[in-house]
């Protein structure tokens, strides 16, 4: 097992969208729960379970963020719409205790 790799962060204006990508070389993502977290305190954002159906979101992002995965590419995406300045953070992907290095999202008003 190796650490996941995040990408897709950037600088956007409030109201715009970004999609983050988490690449996992192994294991297969249909055998694990993969989550997105943000900030220095690793605030929970969303996760998707091994069955690919069960998902969960922090209240602060419900209705704006969508987590999904591509089993063929072994990747998990986080689509973020209607971004707000308070969404500014480093976003981390996690599975089984393995953390990526993060990708910076900055939202300006």
N, C-alpha and C. Protein backbone atom coordinates (compact mmCIF):
# COMPACT_ATOMS: atom_id res chain seq x y z
N UNK A 1 0.84 -1.18 0.00
CA UNK A 1 0.00 0.00 0.00
C UNK A 1 0.88 1.23 0.00
N UNK A 2 0.46 2.25 -0.76
CA UNK A 2 1.21 3.48 -0.82
C UNK A 2 0.23 4.63 -0.62
N UNK A 3 0.81 5.82 -0.38
CA UNK A 3 -0.06 6.95 -0.09
C UNK A 3 -0.83 7.38 -1.33
N UNK A 4 -2.04 7.88 -1.15
CA UNK A 4 -2.80 8.40 -2.30
C UNK A 4 -2.19 9.72 -2.77
N UNK A 5 -2.52 10.11 -3.99
CA UNK A 5 -2.01 11.34 -4.58
C UNK A 5 -3.19 12.21 -4.99
N UNK A 6 -3.24 13.42 -4.45
CA UNK A 6 -4.31 14.34 -4.76
C UNK A 6 -3.89 15.33 -5.83
N UNK A 7 -4.86 15.81 -6.57
CA UNK A 7 -4.63 16.86 -7.57
C UNK A 7 -5.93 17.59 -7.82
N UNK A 8 -5.84 18.71 -8.54
CA UNK A 8 -7.04 19.44 -8.93
C UNK A 8 -7.32 20.70 -8.16
N UNK A 9 -6.52 20.98 -7.15
CA UNK A 9 -6.74 22.20 -6.40
C UNK A 9 -6.43 23.43 -7.24
N UNK A 10 -6.79 24.60 -6.70
CA UNK A 10 -6.53 25.82 -7.43
C UNK A 10 -7.08 27.02 -6.72
N UNK A 11 -7.00 28.15 -7.44
CA UNK A 11 -7.50 29.44 -6.94
C UNK A 11 -8.74 29.79 -7.74
N UNK A 12 -9.86 29.94 -7.06
CA UNK A 12 -11.11 30.25 -7.75
C UNK A 12 -11.89 31.31 -7.00
N UNK A 13 -12.81 31.91 -7.71
CA UNK A 13 -13.68 32.90 -7.10
C UNK A 13 -14.88 32.21 -6.46
N UNK A 14 -15.43 32.82 -5.45
CA UNK A 14 -16.62 32.27 -4.79
C UNK A 14 -17.71 32.03 -5.83
N UNK A 15 -18.37 30.89 -5.68
CA UNK A 15 -19.42 30.52 -6.62
C UNK A 15 -18.95 29.60 -7.74
N UNK A 16 -17.66 29.52 -7.94
CA UNK A 16 -17.12 28.67 -8.99
C UNK A 16 -16.95 27.23 -8.49
N UNK A 17 -16.47 26.39 -9.38
CA UNK A 17 -16.37 24.96 -9.08
C UNK A 17 -14.95 24.44 -9.28
N UNK A 18 -14.64 23.36 -8.61
CA UNK A 18 -13.40 22.62 -8.80
C UNK A 18 -13.70 21.14 -8.60
N UNK A 19 -12.92 20.30 -9.25
CA UNK A 19 -13.02 18.87 -9.01
C UNK A 19 -11.65 18.35 -8.60
N UNK A 20 -11.59 17.75 -7.43
CA UNK A 20 -10.34 17.16 -6.93
C UNK A 20 -10.29 15.68 -7.30
N UNK A 21 -9.08 15.20 -7.48
CA UNK A 21 -8.88 13.81 -7.86
C UNK A 21 -7.93 13.15 -6.88
N UNK A 22 -8.28 11.95 -6.46
CA UNK A 22 -7.42 11.15 -5.58
C UNK A 22 -7.05 9.88 -6.35
N UNK A 23 -5.77 9.70 -6.60
CA UNK A 23 -5.29 8.51 -7.30
C UNK A 23 -4.70 7.54 -6.29
N UNK A 24 -5.15 6.29 -6.37
CA UNK A 24 -4.67 5.25 -5.46
C UNK A 24 -4.15 4.10 -6.30
N UNK A 25 -2.89 3.76 -6.12
CA UNK A 25 -2.31 2.70 -6.94
C UNK A 25 -2.78 1.32 -6.47
N UNK A 26 -2.88 1.14 -5.20
CA UNK A 26 -3.39 -0.11 -4.62
C UNK A 26 -3.77 0.17 -3.19
N UNK A 27 -4.74 -0.55 -2.63
CA UNK A 27 -5.53 -1.63 -3.21
C UNK A 27 -6.64 -1.10 -4.12
N UNK A 28 -7.44 -2.00 -4.64
CA UNK A 28 -8.57 -1.59 -5.46
C UNK A 28 -9.56 -0.82 -4.60
N UNK A 29 -10.08 0.30 -5.14
CA UNK A 29 -10.91 1.18 -4.33
C UNK A 29 -12.27 0.56 -4.02
N UNK A 30 -12.63 -0.52 -4.72
CA UNK A 30 -13.89 -1.16 -4.38
C UNK A 30 -13.74 -2.11 -3.19
N UNK A 31 -12.58 -2.05 -2.52
CA UNK A 31 -12.37 -2.85 -1.31
C UNK A 31 -12.15 -1.98 -0.08
N UNK A 32 -12.18 -0.66 -0.27
CA UNK A 32 -11.85 0.25 0.84
C UNK A 32 -12.81 1.42 0.89
N UNK A 33 -12.83 2.08 2.03
CA UNK A 33 -13.52 3.37 2.16
C UNK A 33 -12.50 4.47 1.93
N UNK A 34 -12.83 5.41 1.08
CA UNK A 34 -11.93 6.51 0.78
C UNK A 34 -12.60 7.82 1.21
N UNK A 35 -11.84 8.62 1.90
CA UNK A 35 -12.39 9.87 2.41
C UNK A 35 -11.59 11.08 2.00
N UNK A 36 -12.26 12.22 2.02
CA UNK A 36 -11.63 13.53 1.82
C UNK A 36 -11.72 14.31 3.12
N UNK A 37 -10.62 14.96 3.47
CA UNK A 37 -10.55 15.75 4.68
C UNK A 37 -9.89 17.07 4.31
N UNK A 38 -9.99 18.07 5.18
CA UNK A 38 -9.36 19.34 4.85
C UNK A 38 -8.84 20.05 6.08
N UNK A 39 -7.84 20.87 5.84
CA UNK A 39 -7.30 21.71 6.89
C UNK A 39 -6.32 21.02 7.82
N UNK A 40 -5.73 21.87 8.69
CA UNK A 40 -4.74 21.35 9.63
C UNK A 40 -5.30 20.38 10.64
N UNK A 41 -6.60 20.47 10.90
CA UNK A 41 -7.24 19.56 11.85
C UNK A 41 -7.91 18.39 11.15
N UNK A 42 -7.66 18.27 9.87
CA UNK A 42 -8.22 17.17 9.07
C UNK A 42 -9.73 17.04 9.29
N UNK A 43 -10.41 18.12 9.01
CA UNK A 43 -11.87 18.14 9.10
C UNK A 43 -12.46 17.19 8.07
N UNK A 44 -13.39 16.36 8.50
CA UNK A 44 -14.04 15.43 7.58
C UNK A 44 -14.85 16.21 6.55
N UNK A 45 -14.74 15.80 5.28
CA UNK A 45 -15.50 16.42 4.21
C UNK A 45 -16.50 15.43 3.62
N UNK A 46 -16.00 14.28 3.20
CA UNK A 46 -16.88 13.28 2.57
C UNK A 46 -16.15 11.95 2.51
N UNK A 47 -16.93 10.87 2.40
CA UNK A 47 -16.31 9.58 2.12
C UNK A 47 -17.24 8.73 1.25
N UNK A 48 -16.65 7.75 0.64
CA UNK A 48 -17.41 6.79 -0.16
C UNK A 48 -16.95 5.41 0.26
N UNK A 49 -17.89 4.53 0.53
CA UNK A 49 -17.56 3.21 1.05
C UNK A 49 -17.23 2.24 -0.08
N UNK A 50 -16.74 1.07 0.31
CA UNK A 50 -16.28 0.09 -0.65
C UNK A 50 -17.38 -0.33 -1.63
N UNK A 51 -18.63 -0.31 -1.18
CA UNK A 51 -19.71 -0.72 -2.08
C UNK A 51 -20.01 0.31 -3.16
N UNK A 52 -19.39 1.49 -3.03
CA UNK A 52 -19.56 2.52 -4.05
C UNK A 52 -20.90 3.22 -4.00
N UNK A 53 -21.73 2.82 -3.08
CA UNK A 53 -23.09 3.38 -2.98
C UNK A 53 -23.22 4.28 -1.76
N UNK A 54 -22.72 3.82 -0.66
CA UNK A 54 -22.85 4.57 0.60
C UNK A 54 -21.85 5.71 0.64
N UNK A 55 -22.36 6.92 0.79
CA UNK A 55 -21.53 8.10 0.90
C UNK A 55 -21.99 8.92 2.10
N UNK A 56 -21.13 9.79 2.56
CA UNK A 56 -21.46 10.69 3.66
C UNK A 56 -20.77 12.01 3.45
N UNK A 57 -21.38 13.08 3.96
CA UNK A 57 -20.85 14.43 3.77
C UNK A 57 -20.93 15.21 5.07
N UNK A 58 -19.99 16.12 5.24
CA UNK A 58 -20.10 17.07 6.33
C UNK A 58 -21.28 17.99 6.03
N UNK A 59 -21.95 18.45 7.08
CA UNK A 59 -23.10 19.34 6.88
C UNK A 59 -22.73 20.58 6.08
N UNK A 60 -21.51 21.05 6.28
CA UNK A 60 -21.08 22.30 5.63
C UNK A 60 -20.94 22.18 4.11
N UNK A 61 -20.90 20.96 3.60
CA UNK A 61 -20.71 20.78 2.15
C UNK A 61 -21.87 20.06 1.48
N UNK A 62 -22.82 19.59 2.26
CA UNK A 62 -23.96 18.87 1.68
C UNK A 62 -24.68 19.73 0.65
N UNK A 63 -24.99 19.10 -0.46
CA UNK A 63 -25.68 19.81 -1.53
C UNK A 63 -24.75 20.57 -2.46
N UNK A 64 -23.49 20.72 -2.09
CA UNK A 64 -22.52 21.43 -2.94
C UNK A 64 -21.41 20.51 -3.44
N UNK A 65 -21.02 19.54 -2.62
CA UNK A 65 -19.93 18.62 -2.97
C UNK A 65 -20.49 17.25 -3.29
N UNK A 66 -19.86 16.57 -4.24
CA UNK A 66 -20.25 15.21 -4.59
C UNK A 66 -19.01 14.35 -4.70
N UNK A 67 -19.01 13.24 -3.98
CA UNK A 67 -17.90 12.31 -4.06
C UNK A 67 -18.30 11.16 -4.98
N UNK A 68 -17.35 10.72 -5.79
CA UNK A 68 -17.63 9.61 -6.70
C UNK A 68 -16.32 8.89 -6.98
N UNK A 69 -16.42 7.78 -7.68
CA UNK A 69 -15.19 7.06 -7.98
C UNK A 69 -15.26 6.42 -9.36
N UNK A 70 -14.07 6.12 -9.88
CA UNK A 70 -13.93 5.45 -11.16
C UNK A 70 -13.15 4.17 -10.88
N UNK A 71 -13.85 3.05 -10.86
CA UNK A 71 -13.19 1.79 -10.52
C UNK A 71 -12.14 1.39 -11.56
N UNK A 72 -12.37 1.72 -12.80
CA UNK A 72 -11.43 1.34 -13.85
C UNK A 72 -10.10 2.08 -13.67
N UNK A 73 -10.18 3.33 -13.22
CA UNK A 73 -8.96 4.13 -13.03
C UNK A 73 -8.47 4.10 -11.60
N UNK A 74 -9.24 3.48 -10.72
CA UNK A 74 -8.92 3.44 -9.28
C UNK A 74 -8.73 4.84 -8.71
N UNK A 75 -9.66 5.70 -9.03
CA UNK A 75 -9.59 7.08 -8.56
C UNK A 75 -10.90 7.47 -7.87
N UNK A 76 -10.80 8.42 -6.98
CA UNK A 76 -11.96 8.99 -6.30
C UNK A 76 -11.95 10.50 -6.54
N UNK A 77 -13.08 11.03 -6.93
CA UNK A 77 -13.19 12.46 -7.23
C UNK A 77 -14.06 13.15 -6.20
N UNK A 78 -13.79 14.43 -6.03
CA UNK A 78 -14.63 15.27 -5.19
C UNK A 78 -15.00 16.49 -6.02
N UNK A 79 -16.23 16.52 -6.49
CA UNK A 79 -16.72 17.65 -7.26
C UNK A 79 -17.25 18.69 -6.29
N UNK A 80 -16.74 19.89 -6.41
CA UNK A 80 -17.09 20.96 -5.48
C UNK A 80 -17.72 22.11 -6.26
N UNK A 81 -18.97 22.39 -5.96
CA UNK A 81 -19.68 23.47 -6.63
C UNK A 81 -20.00 24.59 -5.64
N UNK A 82 -20.29 25.75 -6.20
CA UNK A 82 -20.66 26.90 -5.37
C UNK A 82 -19.69 27.08 -4.21
N UNK A 83 -18.42 27.12 -4.55
CA UNK A 83 -17.40 27.22 -3.51
C UNK A 83 -17.51 28.54 -2.75
N UNK A 84 -17.14 28.47 -1.47
CA UNK A 84 -17.19 29.62 -0.59
C UNK A 84 -15.80 29.87 -0.02
N UNK A 85 -15.52 31.10 0.40
CA UNK A 85 -14.20 31.38 1.00
C UNK A 85 -13.87 30.45 2.16
N UNK A 86 -14.87 30.03 2.91
CA UNK A 86 -14.62 29.14 4.04
C UNK A 86 -14.25 27.72 3.61
N UNK A 87 -14.34 27.42 2.33
CA UNK A 87 -13.88 26.13 1.83
C UNK A 87 -12.37 26.12 1.58
N UNK A 88 -11.75 27.28 1.71
CA UNK A 88 -10.31 27.38 1.52
C UNK A 88 -9.57 26.48 2.51
N UNK A 89 -8.73 25.60 1.99
CA UNK A 89 -7.98 24.66 2.83
C UNK A 89 -7.12 23.78 1.94
N UNK A 90 -6.23 23.04 2.58
CA UNK A 90 -5.57 21.94 1.89
C UNK A 90 -6.49 20.72 2.04
N UNK A 91 -6.76 20.06 0.93
CA UNK A 91 -7.65 18.91 0.92
C UNK A 91 -6.82 17.64 0.80
N UNK A 92 -7.14 16.68 1.67
CA UNK A 92 -6.39 15.44 1.75
C UNK A 92 -7.29 14.25 1.45
N UNK A 93 -6.71 13.28 0.78
CA UNK A 93 -7.39 12.01 0.54
C UNK A 93 -6.84 10.99 1.53
N UNK A 94 -7.72 10.12 1.99
CA UNK A 94 -7.30 9.14 2.99
C UNK A 94 -7.98 7.80 2.76
N UNK A 95 -7.23 6.74 2.98
CA UNK A 95 -7.82 5.40 3.06
C UNK A 95 -6.97 4.59 4.01
N UNK A 96 -7.60 3.82 4.85
CA UNK A 96 -6.91 2.90 5.73
C UNK A 96 -5.76 3.50 6.51
N UNK A 97 -5.85 4.78 6.84
CA UNK A 97 -4.78 5.41 7.59
C UNK A 97 -3.67 6.00 6.74
N UNK A 98 -3.75 5.82 5.43
CA UNK A 98 -2.76 6.39 4.51
C UNK A 98 -3.26 7.75 4.00
N UNK A 99 -2.42 8.75 4.15
CA UNK A 99 -2.77 10.12 3.77
C UNK A 99 -1.92 10.59 2.59
N UNK A 100 -2.58 11.35 1.70
CA UNK A 100 -1.82 12.00 0.65
C UNK A 100 -1.19 13.27 1.17
N UNK A 101 -0.47 13.97 0.30
CA UNK A 101 0.20 15.21 0.69
C UNK A 101 -0.73 16.41 0.60
N UNK A 102 -1.86 16.23 -0.04
CA UNK A 102 -2.85 17.29 -0.10
C UNK A 102 -2.76 18.15 -1.35
N UNK A 103 -3.86 18.86 -1.62
CA UNK A 103 -3.92 19.82 -2.73
C UNK A 103 -4.62 21.06 -2.21
N UNK A 104 -4.06 22.22 -2.53
CA UNK A 104 -4.55 23.48 -1.98
C UNK A 104 -5.75 23.99 -2.78
N UNK A 105 -6.80 24.35 -2.04
CA UNK A 105 -7.96 25.01 -2.63
C UNK A 105 -8.08 26.37 -1.97
N UNK A 106 -8.10 27.41 -2.80
CA UNK A 106 -8.25 28.77 -2.30
C UNK A 106 -9.42 29.43 -3.00
N UNK A 107 -10.36 29.93 -2.20
CA UNK A 107 -11.56 30.56 -2.74
C UNK A 107 -11.59 32.01 -2.27
N UNK A 108 -11.63 32.95 -3.22
CA UNK A 108 -11.66 34.35 -2.86
C UNK A 108 -13.01 34.95 -3.22
N UNK A 109 -13.40 35.96 -2.45
CA UNK A 109 -14.71 36.57 -2.68
C UNK A 109 -14.59 37.80 -3.56
